[in-house]
């Protein structure tokens, strides 16, 4: 693979990592806003809010670490590792969409809109 193709793919993967990190930070700092892509209502009761806030921190940290993993792999110029992290981001987005579709009943396209691009990029970088 040419170095320019590697660079463009790495930049695109790093952008997907940045988006994932941004979603994670949003979920940690603003749990009510972090629920919106899942089309879930923020609970009214304080005890329920406490549970949701805790789960949003867990979700947010997951996103931050996965997105940062792309950056770390890119910093060490490991194309296949960048690809695998990007592939994992795509699988995560696909799974989030499945949860929305089958458990919430809506909102799957908030996740599936970018899933093919991220999965495709991850497959390209991991296997080719």
C-alpha atoms as a PDB file:
ATOM      1  CA  UNK A   1       0.000   0.000   0.000  1.00  0.00           C
ATOM      2  CA  UNK A   2       1.307   3.438  -0.829  1.00  0.00           C
ATOM      3  CA  UNK A   3       2.101   5.815   1.980  1.00  0.00           C
ATOM      4  CA  UNK A   4      -0.510   8.317   0.749  1.00  0.00           C
ATOM      5  CA  UNK A   5      -3.245   5.645   0.833  1.00  0.00           C
ATOM      6  CA  UNK A   6      -2.087   4.730   4.336  1.00  0.00           C
ATOM      7  CA  UNK A   7      -2.193   8.389   5.348  1.00  0.00           C
ATOM      8  CA  UNK A   8      -5.700   9.000   4.011  1.00  0.00           C
ATOM      9  CA  UNK A   9      -7.042   5.844   5.609  1.00  0.00           C
ATOM     10  CA  UNK A  10      -5.340   6.683   8.908  1.00  0.00           C
ATOM     11  CA  UNK A  11      -6.757  10.207   8.853  1.00  0.00           C
ATOM     12  CA  UNK A  12     -10.265   8.857   8.174  1.00  0.00           C
ATOM     13  CA  UNK A  13      -9.890   6.301  10.969  1.00  0.00           C
ATOM     14  CA  UNK A  14      -8.593   8.995  13.327  1.00  0.00           C
ATOM     15  CA  UNK A  15     -11.660  11.085  12.535  1.00  0.00           C
ATOM     16  CA  UNK A  16     -13.918   8.152  13.404  1.00  0.00           C
ATOM     17  CA  UNK A  17     -11.967   7.846  16.645  1.00  0.00           C
ATOM     18  CA  UNK A  18     -12.480  11.564  17.309  1.00  0.00           C
ATOM     19  CA  UNK A  19     -16.227  11.241  16.758  1.00  0.00           C
ATOM     20  CA  UNK A  20     -16.317   8.300  19.161  1.00  0.00           C
ATOM     21  CA  UNK A  21     -14.337  10.250  21.778  1.00  0.00           C
ATOM     22  CA  UNK A  22     -16.698  13.225  21.373  1.00  0.00           C
ATOM     23  CA  UNK A  23     -19.751  11.009  21.914  1.00  0.00           C
ATOM     24  CA  UNK A  24     -18.076   9.575  25.007  1.00  0.00           C
ATOM     25  CA  UNK A  25     -17.231  12.949  26.508  1.00  0.00           C
ATOM     26  CA  UNK A  26     -20.765  14.140  25.825  1.00  0.00           C
ATOM     27  CA  UNK A  27     -22.225  11.075  27.576  1.00  0.00           C
ATOM     28  CA  UNK A  28     -19.998  11.617  30.624  1.00  0.00           C
ATOM     29  CA  UNK A  29     -20.576  15.357  30.965  1.00  0.00           C
ATOM     30  CA  UNK A  30     -24.172  15.564  29.720  1.00  0.00           C
ATOM     31  CA  UNK A  31     -25.944  12.240  30.259  1.00  0.00           C
ATOM     32  CA  UNK A  32     -29.328  13.608  29.188  1.00  0.00           C
ATOM     33  CA  UNK A  33     -27.845  14.652  25.834  1.00  0.00           C
ATOM     34  CA  UNK A  34     -25.961  11.351  25.565  1.00  0.00           C
ATOM     35  CA  UNK A  35     -29.267   9.473  25.600  1.00  0.00           C
ATOM     36  CA  UNK A  36     -30.624  11.319  22.553  1.00  0.00           C
ATOM     37  CA  UNK A  37     -28.982   9.123  19.870  1.00  0.00           C
ATOM     38  CA  UNK A  38     -30.720   6.170  21.540  1.00  0.00           C
ATOM     39  CA  UNK A  39     -34.027   8.066  21.590  1.00  0.00           C
ATOM     40  CA  UNK A  40     -34.425   7.347  25.281  1.00  0.00           C
ATOM     41  CA  UNK A  41     -36.019   9.818  27.668  1.00  0.00           C
ATOM     42  CA  UNK A  42     -34.022  11.071  30.631  1.00  0.00           C
ATOM     43  CA  UNK A  43     -35.745   9.816  33.798  1.00  0.00           C
ATOM     44  CA  UNK A  44     -37.746  12.167  36.003  1.00  0.00           C
ATOM     45  CA  UNK A  45     -37.105  10.454  39.331  1.00  0.00           C
ATOM     46  CA  UNK A  46     -33.797  11.259  41.102  1.00  0.00           C
ATOM     47  CA  UNK A  47     -33.042   7.596  41.866  1.00  0.00           C
ATOM     48  CA  UNK A  48     -33.541   6.678  38.202  1.00  0.00           C
ATOM     49  CA  UNK A  49     -31.373   9.609  37.102  1.00  0.00           C
ATOM     50  CA  UNK A  50     -28.576   8.377  39.348  1.00  0.00           C
ATOM     51  CA  UNK A  51     -28.637   4.971  37.640  1.00  0.00           C
ATOM     52  CA  UNK A  52     -28.732   6.481  34.146  1.00  0.00           C
ATOM     53  CA  UNK A  53     -25.960   8.964  34.990  1.00  0.00           C
ATOM     54  CA  UNK A  54     -23.752   6.099  36.220  1.00  0.00           C
ATOM     55  CA  UNK A  55     -24.433   4.008  33.117  1.00  0.00           C
ATOM     56  CA  UNK A  56     -23.694   6.985  30.873  1.00  0.00           C
ATOM     57  CA  UNK A  57     -20.279   7.379  32.513  1.00  0.00           C
ATOM     58  CA  UNK A  58     -19.574   3.703  31.800  1.00  0.00           C
ATOM     59  CA  UNK A  59     -20.785   4.141  28.199  1.00  0.00           C
ATOM     60  CA  UNK A  60     -18.803   7.350  27.812  1.00  0.00           C
ATOM     61  CA  UNK A  61     -15.559   5.881  29.098  1.00  0.00           C
ATOM     62  CA  UNK A  62     -16.019   2.927  26.708  1.00  0.00           C
ATOM     63  CA  UNK A  63     -16.317   5.346  23.798  1.00  0.00           C
ATOM     64  CA  UNK A  64     -13.386   7.509  24.887  1.00  0.00           C
ATOM     65  CA  UNK A  65     -11.073   4.528  25.305  1.00  0.00           C
ATOM     66  CA  UNK A  66     -12.061   2.928  22.005  1.00  0.00           C
ATOM     67  CA  UNK A  67     -11.636   6.183  20.096  1.00  0.00           C
ATOM     68  CA  UNK A  68      -8.334   6.919  21.825  1.00  0.00           C
ATOM     69  CA  UNK A  69      -7.143   3.433  20.879  1.00  0.00           C
ATOM     70  CA  UNK A  70      -7.338   4.475  17.234  1.00  0.00           C
ATOM     71  CA  UNK A  71      -5.121   7.479  17.974  1.00  0.00           C
ATOM     72  CA  UNK A  72      -2.564   5.435  19.896  1.00  0.00           C
ATOM     73  CA  UNK A  73      -2.325   2.870  17.105  1.00  0.00           C
ATOM     74  CA  UNK A  74      -2.046   5.661  14.529  1.00  0.00           C
ATOM     75  CA  UNK A  75       0.708   7.343  16.554  1.00  0.00           C
ATOM     76  CA  UNK A  76       2.714   4.112  16.360  1.00  0.00           C
ATOM     77  CA  UNK A  77       1.907   3.808  12.628  1.00  0.00           C
ATOM     78  CA  UNK A  78       0.362   0.378  13.012  1.00  0.00           C
ATOM     79  CA  UNK A  79      -2.126   0.236  10.130  1.00  0.00           C
ATOM     80  CA  UNK A  80      -3.644  -3.123  11.031  1.00  0.00           C
ATOM     81  CA  UNK A  81      -4.223  -2.128  14.657  1.00  0.00           C
ATOM     82  CA  UNK A  82      -5.820   1.147  13.523  1.00  0.00           C
ATOM     83  CA  UNK A  83      -7.989  -0.960  11.229  1.00  0.00           C
ATOM     84  CA  UNK A  84      -9.045  -3.325  13.987  1.00  0.00           C
ATOM     85  CA  UNK A  85      -9.932  -0.468  16.323  1.00  0.00           C
ATOM     86  CA  UNK A  86     -11.936   1.141  13.514  1.00  0.00           C
ATOM     87  CA  UNK A  87     -13.653  -2.168  12.825  1.00  0.00           C
ATOM     88  CA  UNK A  88     -14.559  -2.401  16.513  1.00  0.00           C
ATOM     89  CA  UNK A  89     -16.064   1.097  16.386  1.00  0.00           C
ATOM     90  CA  UNK A  90     -18.212  -0.039  13.452  1.00  0.00           C
ATOM     91  CA  UNK A  91     -19.325  -3.186  15.274  1.00  0.00           C
ATOM     92  CA  UNK A  92     -20.140  -1.074  18.331  1.00  0.00           C
ATOM     93  CA  UNK A  93     -22.246   1.318  16.230  1.00  0.00           C
ATOM     94  CA  UNK A  94     -24.042  -1.583  14.549  1.00  0.00           C
ATOM     95  CA  UNK A  95     -24.786  -3.140  17.949  1.00  0.00           C
ATOM     96  CA  UNK A  96     -26.030   0.194  19.321  1.00  0.00           C
ATOM     97  CA  UNK A  97     -28.409   0.354  16.341  1.00  0.00           C
ATOM     98  CA  UNK A  98     -29.649  -3.191  16.992  1.00  0.00           C
ATOM     99  CA  UNK A  99     -30.391  -2.297  20.604  1.00  0.00           C
ATOM    100  CA  UNK A 100     -32.318   0.774  19.457  1.00  0.00           C
ATOM    101  CA  UNK A 101     -34.308  -1.162  16.865  1.00  0.00           C
ATOM    102  CA  UNK A 102     -35.227  -4.185  18.957  1.00  0.00           C
ATOM    103  CA  UNK A 103     -35.318  -2.808  22.500  1.00  0.00           C
ATOM    104  CA  UNK A 104     -36.316   0.837  22.048  1.00  0.00           C
ATOM    105  CA  UNK A 105     -38.265   0.457  18.811  1.00  0.00           C
ATOM    106  CA  UNK A 106     -36.607   3.372  17.008  1.00  0.00           C
ATOM    107  CA  UNK A 107     -33.367   5.284  16.570  1.00  0.00           C
ATOM    108  CA  UNK A 108     -31.349   2.589  14.823  1.00  0.00           C
ATOM    109  CA  UNK A 109     -30.447   4.899  11.923  1.00  0.00           C
ATOM    110  CA  UNK A 110     -28.841   7.318  14.379  1.00  0.00           C
ATOM    111  CA  UNK A 111     -26.145   4.617  14.518  1.00  0.00           C
ATOM    112  CA  UNK A 112     -26.429   2.777  11.222  1.00  0.00           C
ATOM    113  CA  UNK A 113     -25.935   5.878   9.068  1.00  0.00           C
ATOM    114  CA  UNK A 114     -22.161   5.828   9.519  1.00  0.00           C
ATOM    115  CA  UNK A 115     -21.708   2.129  10.295  1.00  0.00           C
ATOM    116  CA  UNK A 116     -20.984   0.992   6.696  1.00  0.00           C
ATOM    117  CA  UNK A 117     -18.271   3.620   6.222  1.00  0.00           C
ATOM    118  CA  UNK A 118     -16.542   2.751   9.491  1.00  0.00           C
ATOM    119  CA  UNK A 119     -16.846  -1.006   8.930  1.00  0.00           C
ATOM    120  CA  UNK A 120     -15.565  -0.664   5.371  1.00  0.00           C
ATOM    121  CA  UNK A 121     -12.606   1.417   6.479  1.00  0.00           C
ATOM    122  CA  UNK A 122     -11.833  -1.026   9.286  1.00  0.00           C
ATOM    123  CA  UNK A 123     -11.965  -4.011   6.939  1.00  0.00           C
ATOM    124  CA  UNK A 124      -9.777  -2.218   4.387  1.00  0.00           C
ATOM    125  CA  UNK A 125      -7.134  -1.287   6.923  1.00  0.00           C
ATOM    126  CA  UNK A 126      -7.196  -4.638   8.729  1.00  0.00           C
ATOM    127  CA  UNK A 127      -7.073  -7.005   5.785  1.00  0.00           C
ATOM    128  CA  UNK A 128      -5.743  -5.188   2.700  1.00  0.00           C
END
